[in-house]
């Protein structure tokens, strides 16, 4: 299991990449995937009102969350690439340029220590 974490302006977003033999979470409404690598992460966007208040550097934004949708991939490389892009896209939805997002891939065993 890998975690892919994006960080920008004092805020982090972390998703999980399940590898072959690991069981991704199941929940009502989630599509099933038989792919060997499954990426699961929140998706969000900025709203004018409602949502959740989030501090992003020196500004406060209202964020609404979408249900996470598992995405399947045939290779680890493709999954990590898509996960990295997903994390950067979420920050871009809040006005943060992709170049400003630091992305790290963490082995689950490393994250637990």
N, C-alpha and C. Protein backbone atom coordinates (compact mmCIF):
# COMPACT_ATOMS: atom_id res chain seq x y z
N UNK A 1 0.85 -1.16 0.00
CA UNK A 1 0.00 0.00 0.00
C UNK A 1 0.89 1.23 0.00
N UNK A 2 0.52 2.17 -0.84
CA UNK A 2 1.24 3.43 -0.91
C UNK A 2 0.29 4.57 -0.56
N UNK A 3 0.85 5.63 0.00
CA UNK A 3 0.12 6.87 0.17
C UNK A 3 0.78 7.88 -0.75
N UNK A 4 -0.06 8.66 -1.43
CA UNK A 4 0.45 9.73 -2.27
C UNK A 4 -0.08 11.02 -1.66
N UNK A 5 0.86 11.86 -1.21
CA UNK A 5 0.50 13.08 -0.49
C UNK A 5 0.96 14.31 -1.26
N UNK A 6 0.04 15.23 -1.44
CA UNK A 6 0.36 16.52 -2.01
C UNK A 6 0.30 17.57 -0.92
N UNK A 7 1.24 18.49 -0.91
CA UNK A 7 1.30 19.55 0.09
C UNK A 7 1.52 20.89 -0.58
N UNK A 8 0.76 21.88 -0.15
CA UNK A 8 0.91 23.24 -0.66
C UNK A 8 0.28 24.21 0.32
N UNK A 9 0.95 25.30 0.57
CA UNK A 9 0.42 26.38 1.40
C UNK A 9 -0.08 25.89 2.76
N UNK A 10 0.65 24.94 3.37
CA UNK A 10 0.32 24.46 4.70
C UNK A 10 -0.83 23.46 4.75
N UNK A 11 -1.26 22.97 3.62
CA UNK A 11 -2.36 22.01 3.55
C UNK A 11 -1.90 20.75 2.83
N UNK A 12 -2.37 19.60 3.31
CA UNK A 12 -2.03 18.32 2.70
C UNK A 12 -3.27 17.62 2.19
N UNK A 13 -3.10 16.82 1.16
CA UNK A 13 -4.13 15.91 0.66
C UNK A 13 -3.43 14.58 0.42
N UNK A 14 -3.95 13.51 1.04
CA UNK A 14 -3.34 12.20 0.91
C UNK A 14 -4.37 11.19 0.43
N UNK A 15 -4.00 10.42 -0.58
CA UNK A 15 -4.82 9.33 -1.07
C UNK A 15 -4.05 8.03 -0.91
N UNK A 16 -4.75 6.92 -1.14
CA UNK A 16 -4.15 5.60 -0.94
C UNK A 16 -4.16 4.82 -2.24
N UNK A 17 -3.03 4.19 -2.53
CA UNK A 17 -2.90 3.32 -3.69
C UNK A 17 -2.76 1.89 -3.18
N UNK A 18 -3.77 1.08 -3.46
CA UNK A 18 -3.78 -0.32 -3.06
C UNK A 18 -3.09 -1.14 -4.14
N UNK A 19 -2.20 -2.03 -3.72
CA UNK A 19 -1.41 -2.83 -4.64
C UNK A 19 -1.98 -4.25 -4.73
N UNK A 20 -1.46 -5.05 -5.66
CA UNK A 20 -1.98 -6.41 -5.83
C UNK A 20 -2.01 -7.17 -4.50
N UNK A 21 -3.12 -7.84 -4.26
CA UNK A 21 -3.29 -8.61 -3.03
C UNK A 21 -3.89 -7.83 -1.88
N UNK A 22 -3.98 -6.52 -2.02
CA UNK A 22 -4.58 -5.68 -0.97
C UNK A 22 -6.01 -5.37 -1.37
N UNK A 23 -6.88 -5.30 -0.41
CA UNK A 23 -8.30 -5.08 -0.68
C UNK A 23 -8.64 -3.60 -0.47
N UNK A 24 -8.98 -2.88 -1.55
CA UNK A 24 -9.39 -1.49 -1.37
C UNK A 24 -10.73 -1.44 -0.63
N UNK A 25 -11.03 -0.32 0.00
CA UNK A 25 -12.28 -0.22 0.74
C UNK A 25 -13.48 -0.31 -0.20
N UNK A 26 -14.55 -0.84 0.33
CA UNK A 26 -15.79 -0.85 -0.44
C UNK A 26 -16.82 -0.06 0.34
N UNK A 27 -17.66 0.62 -0.36
CA UNK A 27 -18.70 1.43 0.27
C UNK A 27 -19.83 1.59 -0.72
N UNK A 28 -20.97 1.94 -0.21
CA UNK A 28 -22.15 2.06 -1.05
C UNK A 28 -21.91 3.06 -2.17
N UNK A 29 -22.18 2.63 -3.39
CA UNK A 29 -22.03 3.50 -4.54
C UNK A 29 -20.67 3.46 -5.19
N UNK A 30 -19.70 2.79 -4.56
CA UNK A 30 -18.36 2.72 -5.14
C UNK A 30 -18.35 1.73 -6.30
N UNK A 31 -17.74 2.12 -7.41
CA UNK A 31 -17.63 1.15 -8.51
C UNK A 31 -16.64 0.05 -8.12
N UNK A 32 -16.82 -1.10 -8.67
CA UNK A 32 -15.87 -2.18 -8.41
C UNK A 32 -14.80 -2.14 -9.48
N UNK A 33 -13.62 -2.55 -9.11
CA UNK A 33 -12.53 -2.61 -10.07
C UNK A 33 -11.72 -3.87 -9.80
N UNK A 34 -11.38 -4.55 -10.85
CA UNK A 34 -10.57 -5.76 -10.74
C UNK A 34 -9.12 -5.50 -11.11
N UNK A 35 -8.75 -4.26 -11.24
CA UNK A 35 -7.38 -3.91 -11.61
C UNK A 35 -6.43 -4.24 -10.45
N UNK A 36 -5.19 -4.54 -10.75
CA UNK A 36 -4.23 -4.86 -9.69
C UNK A 36 -3.86 -3.67 -8.80
N UNK A 37 -3.97 -2.45 -9.33
CA UNK A 37 -3.66 -1.24 -8.55
C UNK A 37 -4.91 -0.38 -8.51
N UNK A 38 -5.30 0.04 -7.31
CA UNK A 38 -6.52 0.84 -7.15
C UNK A 38 -6.19 2.09 -6.35
N UNK A 39 -6.49 3.24 -6.93
CA UNK A 39 -6.26 4.55 -6.31
C UNK A 39 -7.58 5.06 -5.75
N UNK A 40 -7.55 5.51 -4.47
CA UNK A 40 -8.72 6.08 -3.83
C UNK A 40 -8.29 7.37 -3.13
N UNK A 41 -8.98 8.46 -3.45
CA UNK A 41 -8.66 9.74 -2.84
C UNK A 41 -9.85 10.67 -2.95
N UNK A 42 -9.97 11.58 -1.99
CA UNK A 42 -11.02 12.59 -2.07
C UNK A 42 -10.82 13.47 -3.28
N UNK A 43 -11.92 14.02 -3.73
CA UNK A 43 -11.91 15.06 -4.75
C UNK A 43 -12.70 16.23 -4.17
N UNK A 44 -12.28 17.43 -4.46
CA UNK A 44 -12.97 18.60 -3.91
C UNK A 44 -12.85 19.78 -4.85
N UNK A 45 -13.62 20.80 -4.55
CA UNK A 45 -13.60 22.02 -5.35
C UNK A 45 -14.03 23.17 -4.46
N UNK A 46 -13.67 24.37 -4.87
CA UNK A 46 -14.00 25.57 -4.10
C UNK A 46 -15.44 26.00 -4.38
N UNK A 47 -16.14 26.41 -3.32
CA UNK A 47 -17.50 26.90 -3.44
C UNK A 47 -17.58 28.28 -2.79
N UNK A 48 -18.60 29.04 -3.19
CA UNK A 48 -18.76 30.39 -2.63
C UNK A 48 -19.33 30.36 -1.22
N UNK A 49 -20.19 29.38 -0.94
CA UNK A 49 -20.77 29.27 0.39
C UNK A 49 -21.01 27.80 0.71
N UNK A 50 -21.17 27.52 2.00
CA UNK A 50 -21.35 26.14 2.43
C UNK A 50 -20.02 25.42 2.42
N UNK A 51 -20.07 24.13 2.36
CA UNK A 51 -18.85 23.33 2.34
C UNK A 51 -18.11 23.38 3.66
N UNK A 52 -16.84 23.12 3.59
CA UNK A 52 -15.96 23.08 4.76
C UNK A 52 -14.93 24.19 4.64
N UNK A 53 -14.68 24.88 5.72
CA UNK A 53 -13.68 25.95 5.72
C UNK A 53 -12.29 25.34 5.78
N UNK A 54 -11.41 25.78 4.89
CA UNK A 54 -10.05 25.27 4.83
C UNK A 54 -9.08 26.44 4.75
N UNK A 55 -8.05 26.42 5.58
CA UNK A 55 -6.99 27.42 5.51
C UNK A 55 -6.00 26.98 4.45
N UNK A 56 -5.71 27.85 3.52
CA UNK A 56 -4.79 27.55 2.43
C UNK A 56 -3.80 28.69 2.35
N UNK A 57 -2.70 28.52 3.06
CA UNK A 57 -1.73 29.60 3.13
C UNK A 57 -2.32 30.78 3.88
N UNK A 58 -2.34 31.94 3.22
CA UNK A 58 -2.84 33.15 3.87
C UNK A 58 -4.30 33.44 3.54
N UNK A 59 -5.01 32.48 2.95
CA UNK A 59 -6.42 32.71 2.64
C UNK A 59 -7.29 31.56 3.13
N UNK A 60 -8.54 31.87 3.32
CA UNK A 60 -9.52 30.89 3.76
C UNK A 60 -10.44 30.59 2.58
N UNK A 61 -10.66 29.31 2.30
CA UNK A 61 -11.53 28.90 1.21
C UNK A 61 -12.60 27.97 1.72
N UNK A 62 -13.72 27.94 1.02
CA UNK A 62 -14.81 27.00 1.31
C UNK A 62 -14.67 25.87 0.30
N UNK A 63 -14.65 24.64 0.79
CA UNK A 63 -14.41 23.49 -0.04
C UNK A 63 -15.56 22.50 0.08
N UNK A 64 -16.04 22.01 -1.05
CA UNK A 64 -17.05 20.95 -1.08
C UNK A 64 -16.36 19.69 -1.57
N UNK A 65 -16.70 18.57 -0.95
CA UNK A 65 -16.08 17.29 -1.29
C UNK A 65 -17.00 16.45 -2.16
N UNK A 66 -16.41 15.73 -3.09
CA UNK A 66 -17.12 14.75 -3.89
C UNK A 66 -16.82 13.37 -3.30
N UNK A 67 -17.67 12.41 -3.56
CA UNK A 67 -17.40 11.05 -3.10
C UNK A 67 -16.17 10.52 -3.81
N UNK A 68 -15.25 9.89 -3.06
CA UNK A 68 -14.08 9.32 -3.72
C UNK A 68 -14.50 8.21 -4.68
N UNK A 69 -13.88 8.16 -5.82
CA UNK A 69 -14.17 7.13 -6.81
C UNK A 69 -12.90 6.33 -7.05
N UNK A 70 -12.92 5.05 -6.71
CA UNK A 70 -11.73 4.22 -6.98
C UNK A 70 -11.42 4.18 -8.48
N UNK A 71 -10.15 4.23 -8.79
CA UNK A 71 -9.71 4.12 -10.18
C UNK A 71 -8.70 2.99 -10.26
N UNK A 72 -8.87 2.11 -11.24
CA UNK A 72 -7.99 0.97 -11.38
C UNK A 72 -6.93 1.17 -12.45
N UNK A 73 -5.76 0.56 -12.23
CA UNK A 73 -4.64 0.67 -13.15
C UNK A 73 -3.95 -0.68 -13.27
N UNK A 74 -3.35 -0.92 -14.41
CA UNK A 74 -2.67 -2.18 -14.67
C UNK A 74 -1.23 -2.19 -14.17
N UNK A 75 -0.63 -0.99 -14.00
CA UNK A 75 0.77 -0.95 -13.55
C UNK A 75 0.92 0.05 -12.42
N UNK A 76 1.94 -0.19 -11.61
CA UNK A 76 2.23 0.71 -10.50
C UNK A 76 2.62 2.09 -11.03
N UNK A 77 3.43 2.11 -12.08
CA UNK A 77 3.87 3.38 -12.66
C UNK A 77 2.69 4.23 -13.11
N UNK A 78 1.74 3.63 -13.82
CA UNK A 78 0.55 4.36 -14.29
C UNK A 78 -0.28 4.84 -13.11
N UNK A 79 -0.40 4.02 -12.08
CA UNK A 79 -1.19 4.39 -10.90
C UNK A 79 -0.57 5.57 -10.16
N UNK A 80 0.74 5.53 -9.96
CA UNK A 80 1.43 6.62 -9.26
C UNK A 80 1.35 7.91 -10.07
N UNK A 81 1.51 7.80 -11.38
CA UNK A 81 1.41 8.98 -12.24
C UNK A 81 0.01 9.60 -12.15
N UNK A 82 -1.03 8.78 -12.21
CA UNK A 82 -2.40 9.28 -12.12
C UNK A 82 -2.69 9.84 -10.73
N UNK A 83 -2.16 9.21 -9.69
CA UNK A 83 -2.37 9.69 -8.33
C UNK A 83 -1.72 11.06 -8.14
N UNK A 84 -0.52 11.21 -8.67
CA UNK A 84 0.18 12.50 -8.59
C UNK A 84 -0.62 13.58 -9.31
N UNK A 85 -1.10 13.27 -10.49
CA UNK A 85 -1.91 14.23 -11.25
C UNK A 85 -3.20 14.56 -10.51
N UNK A 86 -3.83 13.57 -9.92
CA UNK A 86 -5.08 13.78 -9.18
C UNK A 86 -4.86 14.78 -8.02
N UNK A 87 -3.80 14.55 -7.26
CA UNK A 87 -3.51 15.42 -6.12
C UNK A 87 -3.26 16.85 -6.60
N UNK A 88 -2.47 17.00 -7.63
CA UNK A 88 -2.18 18.34 -8.16
C UNK A 88 -3.46 19.00 -8.70
N UNK A 89 -4.32 18.23 -9.32
CA UNK A 89 -5.58 18.76 -9.86
C UNK A 89 -6.47 19.30 -8.75
N UNK A 90 -6.51 18.60 -7.61
CA UNK A 90 -7.36 19.06 -6.51
C UNK A 90 -6.89 20.43 -6.01
N UNK A 91 -5.58 20.60 -5.89
CA UNK A 91 -5.06 21.90 -5.48
C UNK A 91 -5.32 22.95 -6.55
N UNK A 92 -5.21 22.58 -7.82
CA UNK A 92 -5.48 23.52 -8.90
C UNK A 92 -6.92 24.02 -8.83
N UNK A 93 -7.83 23.18 -8.40
CA UNK A 93 -9.23 23.58 -8.25
C UNK A 93 -9.40 24.67 -7.20
N UNK A 94 -8.37 24.83 -6.34
CA UNK A 94 -8.39 25.88 -5.33
C UNK A 94 -7.47 27.03 -5.70
N UNK A 95 -6.97 27.02 -6.93
CA UNK A 95 -6.15 28.12 -7.41
C UNK A 95 -4.66 27.97 -7.14
N UNK A 96 -4.21 26.78 -6.76
CA UNK A 96 -2.79 26.56 -6.49
C UNK A 96 -2.15 25.96 -7.74
N UNK A 97 -1.12 26.62 -8.30
CA UNK A 97 -0.45 26.08 -9.49
C UNK A 97 0.18 24.71 -9.21
N UNK A 98 0.17 23.84 -10.20
CA UNK A 98 0.72 22.49 -10.05
C UNK A 98 2.17 22.53 -9.57
N UNK A 99 2.94 23.47 -10.04
CA UNK A 99 4.35 23.56 -9.66
C UNK A 99 4.54 23.87 -8.17
N UNK A 100 3.50 24.42 -7.53
CA UNK A 100 3.58 24.76 -6.11
C UNK A 100 3.22 23.60 -5.19
N UNK A 101 2.81 22.47 -5.77
CA UNK A 101 2.37 21.32 -4.98
C UNK A 101 3.53 20.32 -4.89
N UNK A 102 3.98 20.06 -3.68
CA UNK A 102 4.99 19.03 -3.46
C UNK A 102 4.27 17.70 -3.29
N UNK A 103 4.68 16.70 -4.06
CA UNK A 103 4.06 15.38 -4.00
C UNK A 103 5.09 14.37 -3.53
N UNK A 104 4.69 13.54 -2.58
CA UNK A 104 5.57 12.47 -2.13
C UNK A 104 4.80 11.16 -2.12
N UNK A 105 5.50 10.09 -2.44
CA UNK A 105 4.94 8.75 -2.44
C UNK A 105 5.55 8.04 -1.22
N UNK A 106 4.67 7.55 -0.36
CA UNK A 106 5.09 6.97 0.92
C UNK A 106 4.65 5.52 0.98
N UNK A 107 5.58 4.62 1.27
CA UNK A 107 5.22 3.23 1.52
C UNK A 107 4.43 3.19 2.83
N UNK A 108 3.35 2.45 2.87
CA UNK A 108 2.48 2.40 4.04
C UNK A 108 3.26 2.04 5.30
N UNK A 109 4.22 1.16 5.20
CA UNK A 109 5.03 0.79 6.36
C UNK A 109 5.80 2.00 6.89
N UNK A 110 6.27 2.87 5.98
CA UNK A 110 6.97 4.08 6.39
C UNK A 110 6.03 5.07 7.05
N UNK A 111 4.78 5.15 6.58
CA UNK A 111 3.82 6.09 7.13
C UNK A 111 3.40 5.71 8.53
N UNK A 112 3.45 4.42 8.88
CA UNK A 112 3.01 3.95 10.19
C UNK A 112 4.06 4.23 11.27
N UNK A 113 5.29 4.50 10.89
CA UNK A 113 6.34 4.71 11.88
C UNK A 113 6.50 6.15 12.24
